[in-house]
Amino acid sequence: MSTTLARLAQTIESRKLENGGDPATSYVAKLFSKGDDAILKKIGEEAVETVMAAKDARVSGESAALVYEVADLWFHSMVLLARFDLTPQQVIDELARREGLSGLDEKASRKAD
């Protein structure tokens, strides 16, 4: 896992209320204090903003806004992972497991489970 993702995951973990995160001084602690629905709502907002930025990039050829929005989406997804005591490494491991597997085959295997 990249050191940037690892450092960010550690910072997010430190913002959990049980780890001393203070909602008055930390955006992430404030999200944690509001619960799952607040985090999920934020991910939904960021996903929509990512789609809109991609559509704009398709027309303009400028991709900086798309990178910015994907960073926001990844960040909030990492907050959600931390909320459920999961790590970015677990997602990376899952992607590695799927590497070399046809997306169609992988999807079909989920239906069989």
N, C-alpha and C. Protein backbone atom coordinates (compact mmCIF):
# COMPACT_ATOMS: atom_id res chain seq x y z
N MET A 1 0.86 -1.17 0.00
CA MET A 1 0.00 0.00 0.00
C MET A 1 0.90 1.23 0.00
N SER A 2 0.45 2.26 -0.66
CA SER A 2 1.27 3.48 -0.70
C SER A 2 1.41 4.05 0.70
N THR A 3 2.53 4.70 0.93
CA THR A 3 2.74 5.30 2.24
C THR A 3 1.75 6.43 2.49
N THR A 4 1.33 7.09 1.44
CA THR A 4 0.33 8.16 1.61
C THR A 4 -0.98 7.58 2.13
N LEU A 5 -1.44 6.49 1.52
CA LEU A 5 -2.68 5.87 1.99
C LEU A 5 -2.53 5.35 3.41
N ALA A 6 -1.39 4.76 3.71
CA ALA A 6 -1.15 4.24 5.06
C ALA A 6 -1.17 5.36 6.10
N ARG A 7 -0.50 6.47 5.79
CA ARG A 7 -0.49 7.61 6.73
C ARG A 7 -1.89 8.17 6.90
N LEU A 8 -2.61 8.31 5.81
CA LEU A 8 -3.97 8.84 5.88
C LEU A 8 -4.86 7.91 6.70
N ALA A 9 -4.74 6.61 6.49
CA ALA A 9 -5.53 5.65 7.26
C ALA A 9 -5.22 5.78 8.76
N GLN A 10 -3.95 5.96 9.10
CA GLN A 10 -3.57 6.13 10.51
C GLN A 10 -4.17 7.41 11.08
N THR A 11 -4.15 8.47 10.30
CA THR A 11 -4.73 9.74 10.77
C THR A 11 -6.23 9.59 10.98
N ILE A 12 -6.91 8.97 10.03
CA ILE A 12 -8.35 8.75 10.17
C ILE A 12 -8.64 7.93 11.42
N GLU A 13 -7.86 6.88 11.62
CA GLU A 13 -8.04 6.02 12.80
C GLU A 13 -7.89 6.83 14.08
N SER A 14 -6.94 7.75 14.09
CA SER A 14 -6.70 8.57 15.29
C SER A 14 -7.84 9.53 15.57
N ARG A 15 -8.68 9.78 14.57
CA ARG A 15 -9.80 10.71 14.74
C ARG A 15 -11.07 10.05 15.26
N LYS A 16 -11.04 8.71 15.39
CA LYS A 16 -12.18 8.02 15.97
C LYS A 16 -12.40 8.54 17.39
N LEU A 17 -13.63 8.62 17.80
CA LEU A 17 -13.96 9.14 19.12
C LEU A 17 -13.27 8.34 20.22
N GLU A 18 -13.25 7.01 20.05
CA GLU A 18 -12.63 6.16 21.08
C GLU A 18 -11.11 6.31 21.12
N ASN A 19 -10.55 6.95 20.11
CA ASN A 19 -9.10 7.21 20.09
C ASN A 19 -8.79 8.67 20.43
N GLY A 20 -9.79 9.38 20.93
CA GLY A 20 -9.57 10.75 21.35
C GLY A 20 -9.92 11.81 20.32
N GLY A 21 -10.52 11.39 19.20
CA GLY A 21 -10.93 12.37 18.20
C GLY A 21 -11.95 13.35 18.78
N ASP A 22 -11.79 14.60 18.46
CA ASP A 22 -12.65 15.66 18.99
C ASP A 22 -13.48 16.27 17.86
N PRO A 23 -14.79 16.05 17.87
CA PRO A 23 -15.64 16.61 16.82
C PRO A 23 -15.59 18.13 16.72
N ALA A 24 -15.16 18.80 17.77
CA ALA A 24 -15.07 20.26 17.73
C ALA A 24 -13.87 20.74 16.93
N THR A 25 -12.86 19.87 16.78
CA THR A 25 -11.64 20.30 16.10
C THR A 25 -11.27 19.46 14.89
N SER A 26 -12.02 18.37 14.65
CA SER A 26 -11.68 17.45 13.56
C SER A 26 -12.90 17.14 12.71
N TYR A 27 -12.78 17.38 11.42
CA TYR A 27 -13.86 17.06 10.47
C TYR A 27 -14.18 15.56 10.51
N VAL A 28 -13.14 14.72 10.53
CA VAL A 28 -13.36 13.28 10.54
C VAL A 28 -14.03 12.84 11.84
N ALA A 29 -13.58 13.36 12.96
CA ALA A 29 -14.22 13.04 14.24
C ALA A 29 -15.68 13.47 14.22
N LYS A 30 -15.96 14.60 13.61
CA LYS A 30 -17.34 15.07 13.51
C LYS A 30 -18.18 14.10 12.68
N LEU A 31 -17.63 13.61 11.56
CA LEU A 31 -18.34 12.61 10.76
C LEU A 31 -18.60 11.36 11.59
N PHE A 32 -17.56 10.87 12.29
CA PHE A 32 -17.73 9.68 13.13
C PHE A 32 -18.82 9.91 14.17
N SER A 33 -18.86 11.10 14.76
CA SER A 33 -19.84 11.38 15.81
C SER A 33 -21.27 11.41 15.28
N LYS A 34 -21.41 11.73 14.00
CA LYS A 34 -22.74 11.78 13.39
C LYS A 34 -23.24 10.40 12.96
N GLY A 35 -22.34 9.43 12.88
CA GLY A 35 -22.74 8.06 12.58
C GLY A 35 -22.65 7.69 11.11
N ASP A 36 -23.01 6.44 10.88
CA ASP A 36 -22.89 5.85 9.55
C ASP A 36 -23.61 6.64 8.47
N ASP A 37 -24.82 7.06 8.76
CA ASP A 37 -25.61 7.73 7.72
C ASP A 37 -24.95 9.01 7.22
N ALA A 38 -24.29 9.74 8.10
CA ALA A 38 -23.60 10.97 7.68
C ALA A 38 -22.43 10.64 6.76
N ILE A 39 -21.72 9.57 7.08
CA ILE A 39 -20.59 9.15 6.23
C ILE A 39 -21.12 8.67 4.88
N LEU A 40 -22.17 7.88 4.91
CA LEU A 40 -22.76 7.37 3.66
C LEU A 40 -23.30 8.50 2.80
N LYS A 41 -23.93 9.48 3.41
CA LYS A 41 -24.43 10.63 2.67
C LYS A 41 -23.28 11.37 1.99
N LYS A 42 -22.19 11.54 2.71
CA LYS A 42 -21.03 12.24 2.15
C LYS A 42 -20.44 11.47 0.98
N ILE A 43 -20.38 10.15 1.09
CA ILE A 43 -19.89 9.34 -0.02
C ILE A 43 -20.80 9.49 -1.23
N GLY A 44 -22.11 9.50 -1.00
CA GLY A 44 -23.05 9.71 -2.10
C GLY A 44 -22.83 11.05 -2.78
N GLU A 45 -22.65 12.10 -1.99
CA GLU A 45 -22.39 13.43 -2.54
C GLU A 45 -21.11 13.44 -3.37
N GLU A 46 -20.07 12.83 -2.83
CA GLU A 46 -18.79 12.81 -3.53
C GLU A 46 -18.85 11.98 -4.80
N ALA A 47 -19.63 10.90 -4.77
CA ALA A 47 -19.78 10.08 -5.98
C ALA A 47 -20.47 10.88 -7.09
N VAL A 48 -21.50 11.62 -6.73
CA VAL A 48 -22.19 12.46 -7.72
C VAL A 48 -21.25 13.53 -8.26
N GLU A 49 -20.49 14.17 -7.37
CA GLU A 49 -19.53 15.19 -7.81
C GLU A 49 -18.46 14.59 -8.71
N THR A 50 -18.06 13.35 -8.45
CA THR A 50 -17.08 12.67 -9.31
C THR A 50 -17.66 12.43 -10.70
N VAL A 51 -18.90 11.98 -10.75
CA VAL A 51 -19.55 11.75 -12.05
C VAL A 51 -19.65 13.07 -12.83
N MET A 52 -20.04 14.12 -12.15
CA MET A 52 -20.18 15.41 -12.81
C MET A 52 -18.82 15.91 -13.32
N ALA A 53 -17.78 15.74 -12.52
CA ALA A 53 -16.44 16.16 -12.94
C ALA A 53 -15.96 15.36 -14.14
N ALA A 54 -16.30 14.07 -14.18
CA ALA A 54 -15.92 13.24 -15.33
C ALA A 54 -16.63 13.70 -16.59
N LYS A 55 -17.91 14.02 -16.45
CA LYS A 55 -18.65 14.52 -17.61
C LYS A 55 -18.07 15.85 -18.10
N ASP A 56 -17.73 16.72 -17.17
CA ASP A 56 -17.11 18.00 -17.54
C ASP A 56 -15.76 17.77 -18.22
N ALA A 57 -14.97 16.82 -17.70
CA ALA A 57 -13.66 16.53 -18.28
C ALA A 57 -13.80 15.97 -19.68
N ARG A 58 -14.84 15.20 -19.89
CA ARG A 58 -15.06 14.63 -21.22
C ARG A 58 -15.27 15.74 -22.24
N VAL A 59 -15.95 16.80 -21.83
CA VAL A 59 -16.23 17.92 -22.74
C VAL A 59 -15.04 18.86 -22.85
N SER A 60 -14.45 19.20 -21.71
CA SER A 60 -13.40 20.23 -21.69
C SER A 60 -12.00 19.68 -21.94
N GLY A 61 -11.80 18.41 -21.66
CA GLY A 61 -10.46 17.84 -21.75
C GLY A 61 -9.61 18.13 -20.52
N GLU A 62 -10.14 18.89 -19.57
CA GLU A 62 -9.43 19.22 -18.32
C GLU A 62 -9.81 18.19 -17.25
N SER A 63 -8.81 17.55 -16.67
CA SER A 63 -9.09 16.47 -15.72
C SER A 63 -8.74 16.80 -14.27
N ALA A 64 -8.26 18.01 -13.99
CA ALA A 64 -7.86 18.35 -12.62
C ALA A 64 -9.02 18.23 -11.64
N ALA A 65 -10.19 18.68 -12.03
CA ALA A 65 -11.36 18.60 -11.13
C ALA A 65 -11.74 17.14 -10.87
N LEU A 66 -11.57 16.31 -11.88
CA LEU A 66 -11.88 14.89 -11.70
C LEU A 66 -10.94 14.26 -10.67
N VAL A 67 -9.66 14.56 -10.76
CA VAL A 67 -8.71 14.04 -9.78
C VAL A 67 -9.08 14.52 -8.37
N TYR A 68 -9.43 15.78 -8.25
CA TYR A 68 -9.82 16.36 -6.96
C TYR A 68 -11.03 15.63 -6.38
N GLU A 69 -12.04 15.40 -7.21
CA GLU A 69 -13.27 14.75 -6.73
C GLU A 69 -13.04 13.28 -6.39
N VAL A 70 -12.22 12.60 -7.18
CA VAL A 70 -11.91 11.20 -6.85
C VAL A 70 -11.15 11.14 -5.53
N ALA A 71 -10.25 12.10 -5.29
CA ALA A 71 -9.55 12.15 -4.00
C ALA A 71 -10.55 12.30 -2.86
N ASP A 72 -11.54 13.17 -3.03
CA ASP A 72 -12.58 13.32 -1.99
C ASP A 72 -13.35 12.01 -1.80
N LEU A 73 -13.68 11.34 -2.90
CA LEU A 73 -14.42 10.08 -2.82
C LEU A 73 -13.60 9.01 -2.11
N TRP A 74 -12.33 8.90 -2.48
CA TRP A 74 -11.46 7.92 -1.82
C TRP A 74 -11.33 8.23 -0.33
N PHE A 75 -11.14 9.52 -0.01
CA PHE A 75 -10.99 9.92 1.39
C PHE A 75 -12.21 9.49 2.21
N HIS A 76 -13.38 9.83 1.72
CA HIS A 76 -14.59 9.51 2.48
C HIS A 76 -14.85 8.00 2.51
N SER A 77 -14.42 7.30 1.48
CA SER A 77 -14.50 5.83 1.50
C SER A 77 -13.58 5.26 2.57
N MET A 78 -12.42 5.88 2.74
CA MET A 78 -11.50 5.45 3.79
C MET A 78 -12.08 5.72 5.18
N VAL A 79 -12.81 6.80 5.34
CA VAL A 79 -13.49 7.07 6.61
C VAL A 79 -14.51 5.97 6.88
N LEU A 80 -15.26 5.58 5.86
CA LEU A 80 -16.24 4.50 6.01
C LEU A 80 -15.55 3.19 6.37
N LEU A 81 -14.46 2.88 5.70
CA LEU A 81 -13.73 1.66 6.04
C LEU A 81 -13.32 1.67 7.51
N ALA A 82 -12.77 2.79 7.95
CA ALA A 82 -12.33 2.90 9.35
C ALA A 82 -13.51 2.74 10.30
N ARG A 83 -14.65 3.26 9.93
CA ARG A 83 -15.85 3.15 10.77
C ARG A 83 -16.19 1.69 11.04
N PHE A 84 -15.89 0.82 10.07
CA PHE A 84 -16.17 -0.60 10.21
C PHE A 84 -14.91 -1.41 10.51
N ASP A 85 -13.89 -0.71 11.02
CA ASP A 85 -12.62 -1.35 11.41
C ASP A 85 -11.99 -2.13 10.26
N LEU A 86 -12.10 -1.57 9.07
CA LEU A 86 -11.46 -2.13 7.88
C LEU A 86 -10.36 -1.18 7.43
N THR A 87 -9.47 -1.68 6.60
CA THR A 87 -8.33 -0.88 6.16
C THR A 87 -8.26 -0.80 4.64
N PRO A 88 -7.58 0.22 4.13
CA PRO A 88 -7.36 0.28 2.69
C PRO A 88 -6.60 -0.95 2.18
N GLN A 89 -5.72 -1.50 3.02
CA GLN A 89 -4.97 -2.69 2.61
C GLN A 89 -5.90 -3.86 2.30
N GLN A 90 -7.00 -3.97 3.03
CA GLN A 90 -7.95 -5.04 2.74
C GLN A 90 -8.59 -4.86 1.36
N VAL A 91 -8.84 -3.62 0.99
CA VAL A 91 -9.38 -3.34 -0.35
C VAL A 91 -8.32 -3.66 -1.40
N ILE A 92 -7.08 -3.26 -1.15
CA ILE A 92 -6.00 -3.55 -2.07
C ILE A 92 -5.82 -5.06 -2.22
N ASP A 93 -5.92 -5.79 -1.12
CA ASP A 93 -5.80 -7.25 -1.17
C ASP A 93 -6.93 -7.85 -2.00
N GLU A 94 -8.12 -7.32 -1.87
CA GLU A 94 -9.25 -7.81 -2.67
C GLU A 94 -9.03 -7.53 -4.15
N LEU A 95 -8.52 -6.35 -4.46
CA LEU A 95 -8.21 -6.04 -5.86
C LEU A 95 -7.12 -6.98 -6.39
N ALA A 96 -6.14 -7.28 -5.56
CA ALA A 96 -5.08 -8.21 -5.97
C ALA A 96 -5.65 -9.61 -6.21
N ARG A 97 -6.59 -10.02 -5.37
CA ARG A 97 -7.22 -11.33 -5.55
C ARG A 97 -7.93 -11.40 -6.90
N ARG A 98 -8.52 -10.29 -7.31
CA ARG A 98 -9.26 -10.25 -8.57
C ARG A 98 -8.36 -10.08 -9.80
N GLU A 99 -7.11 -9.71 -9.57
CA GLU A 99 -6.20 -9.43 -10.69
C GLU A 99 -6.07 -10.67 -11.58
N GLY A 100 -6.21 -10.45 -12.86
CA GLY A 100 -6.11 -11.54 -13.82
C GLY A 100 -7.39 -12.32 -14.00
N LEU A 101 -8.40 -12.00 -13.22
CA LEU A 101 -9.70 -12.65 -13.32
C LEU A 101 -10.60 -11.78 -14.17
N SER A 102 -11.22 -12.37 -15.13
CA SER A 102 -12.16 -11.63 -15.97
C SER A 102 -13.22 -10.99 -15.09
N GLY A 103 -13.51 -9.74 -15.35
CA GLY A 103 -14.57 -9.06 -14.61
C GLY A 103 -15.90 -9.77 -14.76
N LEU A 104 -16.16 -10.31 -15.93
CA LEU A 104 -17.40 -11.05 -16.16
C LEU A 104 -17.42 -12.34 -15.33
N ASP A 105 -16.28 -13.04 -15.28
CA ASP A 105 -16.20 -14.26 -14.48
C ASP A 105 -16.33 -13.95 -12.99
N GLU A 106 -15.67 -12.87 -12.55
CA GLU A 106 -15.74 -12.50 -11.13
C GLU A 106 -17.17 -12.18 -10.74
N LYS A 107 -17.87 -11.44 -11.58
CA LYS A 107 -19.26 -11.08 -11.29
C LYS A 107 -20.14 -12.33 -11.27
N ALA A 108 -19.92 -13.23 -12.21
CA ALA A 108 -20.71 -14.47 -12.25
C ALA A 108 -20.47 -15.31 -11.00
N SER A 109 -19.24 -15.30 -10.47
CA SER A 109 -18.94 -16.10 -9.29
C SER A 109 -19.67 -15.56 -8.06
N ARG A 110 -19.96 -14.28 -8.02
CA ARG A 110 -20.70 -13.70 -6.90
C ARG A 110 -22.14 -14.21 -6.88
N LYS A 111 -22.72 -14.42 -8.04
CA LYS A 111 -24.09 -14.92 -8.11
C LYS A 111 -24.18 -16.35 -7.60
N ALA A 112 -23.09 -17.10 -7.78
CA ALA A 112 -23.07 -18.49 -7.35
C ALA A 112 -22.94 -18.64 -5.83
N ASP A 113 -22.39 -17.61 -5.20
CA ASP A 113 -22.16 -17.68 -3.74
C ASP A 113 -23.42 -17.59 -2.94
